[in-house]
């Protein structure tokens, strides 16, 4: 395992005697040192990613929802047309008796 610049990296267990290797593994020191190396690698990777990732921003281009002073009149005329079409389509429907009149009176 590479040390990645960590001063207290794990000891190369290939060079230890069997007795020292068993004591080193059972003490938990190897796990602590290996965890320090993995934390360092993760930290460096996260910093490298943050340094190179694109900035989360939206461009302000025309027509993307900015304020338009003529927008109110456009919306009013659109709603007026919708209301006219609705009343026109309702006028074509046949007259029906109120079926709920007997229920709620």
Protein backbone atom coordinates (compact mmCIF):
# COMPACT_ATOMS: atom_id res chain seq x y z
CA UNK A 1 0.00 0.00 0.00
CA UNK A 2 1.42 3.38 -0.97
CA UNK A 3 1.72 6.00 1.72
CA UNK A 4 0.60 9.03 -0.36
CA UNK A 5 2.70 11.39 1.72
CA UNK A 6 1.29 10.19 5.05
CA UNK A 7 4.10 10.10 7.58
CA UNK A 8 2.60 7.32 9.66
CA UNK A 9 1.69 5.00 6.80
CA UNK A 10 1.37 1.25 7.30
CA UNK A 11 4.49 -0.79 7.86
CA UNK A 12 5.51 -3.17 5.08
CA UNK A 13 4.55 -6.46 6.68
CA UNK A 14 6.66 -8.49 4.26
CA UNK A 15 9.76 -7.43 6.17
CA UNK A 16 8.44 -8.43 9.60
CA UNK A 17 8.95 -11.74 11.33
CA UNK A 18 5.91 -13.95 11.82
CA UNK A 19 5.70 -13.05 15.50
CA UNK A 20 5.95 -9.29 14.82
CA UNK A 21 3.48 -9.57 11.96
CA UNK A 22 0.94 -11.31 14.20
CA UNK A 23 1.38 -8.72 16.95
CA UNK A 24 1.14 -5.85 14.44
CA UNK A 25 -2.06 -7.22 12.88
CA UNK A 26 -3.78 -7.98 16.17
CA UNK A 27 -2.94 -4.61 17.74
CA UNK A 28 -5.05 -2.74 15.17
CA UNK A 29 -2.18 -0.42 14.28
CA UNK A 30 -2.20 -1.57 10.67
CA UNK A 31 -5.90 -0.76 10.33
CA UNK A 32 -5.47 2.70 11.83
CA UNK A 33 -2.56 3.52 9.54
CA UNK A 34 -4.30 2.12 6.48
CA UNK A 35 -7.38 4.18 7.34
CA UNK A 36 -5.23 7.31 7.56
CA UNK A 37 -3.90 6.63 4.07
CA UNK A 38 -7.41 6.03 2.68
CA UNK A 39 -8.71 9.23 4.30
CA UNK A 40 -5.83 11.17 2.74
CA UNK A 41 -6.51 9.67 -0.69
CA UNK A 42 -10.22 10.50 -0.40
CA UNK A 43 -9.48 14.06 0.73
CA UNK A 44 -7.06 14.65 -2.13
CA UNK A 45 -9.46 13.16 -4.65
CA UNK A 46 -12.34 15.30 -3.38
CA UNK A 47 -10.18 18.45 -3.56
CA UNK A 48 -9.04 17.59 -7.09
CA UNK A 49 -12.64 17.01 -8.19
CA UNK A 50 -13.85 20.25 -6.61
CA UNK A 51 -11.02 22.16 -8.29
CA UNK A 52 -11.96 20.89 -11.75
CA UNK A 53 -15.73 20.52 -11.68
CA UNK A 54 -17.91 22.96 -13.63
CA UNK A 55 -19.47 25.78 -11.68
CA UNK A 56 -23.19 25.29 -11.10
CA UNK A 57 -24.64 28.42 -12.63
CA UNK A 58 -27.33 29.36 -15.11
CA UNK A 59 -26.86 31.89 -17.84
CA UNK A 60 -29.11 34.89 -18.14
CA UNK A 61 -30.21 34.81 -21.75
CA UNK A 62 -33.25 36.56 -23.21
CA UNK A 63 -36.50 34.70 -22.83
CA UNK A 64 -35.55 32.73 -19.75
CA UNK A 65 -38.09 34.30 -17.41
CA UNK A 66 -36.66 37.73 -16.79
CA UNK A 67 -39.02 40.66 -16.21
CA UNK A 68 -40.88 41.82 -19.30
CA UNK A 69 -43.01 44.98 -18.95
CA UNK A 70 -45.26 43.85 -21.81
CA UNK A 71 -45.77 40.47 -20.18
CA UNK A 72 -48.80 41.57 -18.14
CA UNK A 73 -50.74 42.77 -21.16
CA UNK A 74 -49.80 39.61 -23.10
CA UNK A 75 -51.01 37.42 -20.24
CA UNK A 76 -54.24 39.42 -19.88
CA UNK A 77 -55.04 39.09 -23.58
CA UNK A 78 -54.24 35.36 -23.48
CA UNK A 79 -56.54 34.84 -20.49
CA UNK A 80 -59.23 36.93 -22.19
CA UNK A 81 -59.07 34.69 -25.26
CA UNK A 82 -59.24 31.58 -23.10
CA UNK A 83 -62.36 32.95 -21.35
CA UNK A 84 -64.02 33.82 -24.66
CA UNK A 85 -63.33 30.32 -26.03
CA UNK A 86 -64.64 28.73 -22.83
CA UNK A 87 -67.89 30.71 -22.88
CA UNK A 88 -68.32 29.96 -26.60
CA UNK A 89 -67.86 26.20 -26.06
CA UNK A 90 -70.26 26.25 -23.11
CA UNK A 91 -72.90 27.96 -25.24
CA UNK A 92 -72.91 24.94 -27.59
CA UNK A 93 -73.74 22.53 -24.78
CA UNK A 94 -77.37 21.57 -24.25
CA UNK A 95 -79.22 22.93 -21.24
CA UNK A 96 -79.47 20.42 -18.43
CA UNK A 97 -81.52 20.34 -15.29
CA UNK A 98 -79.70 20.72 -12.02
CA UNK A 99 -79.52 17.11 -10.78
CA UNK A 100 -78.26 18.14 -7.36
CA UNK A 101 -81.14 20.49 -6.67
CA UNK A 102 -83.34 17.78 -5.13
CA UNK A 103 -80.52 16.22 -3.13
CA UNK A 104 -79.38 19.31 -1.23
CA UNK A 105 -82.67 21.20 -0.78
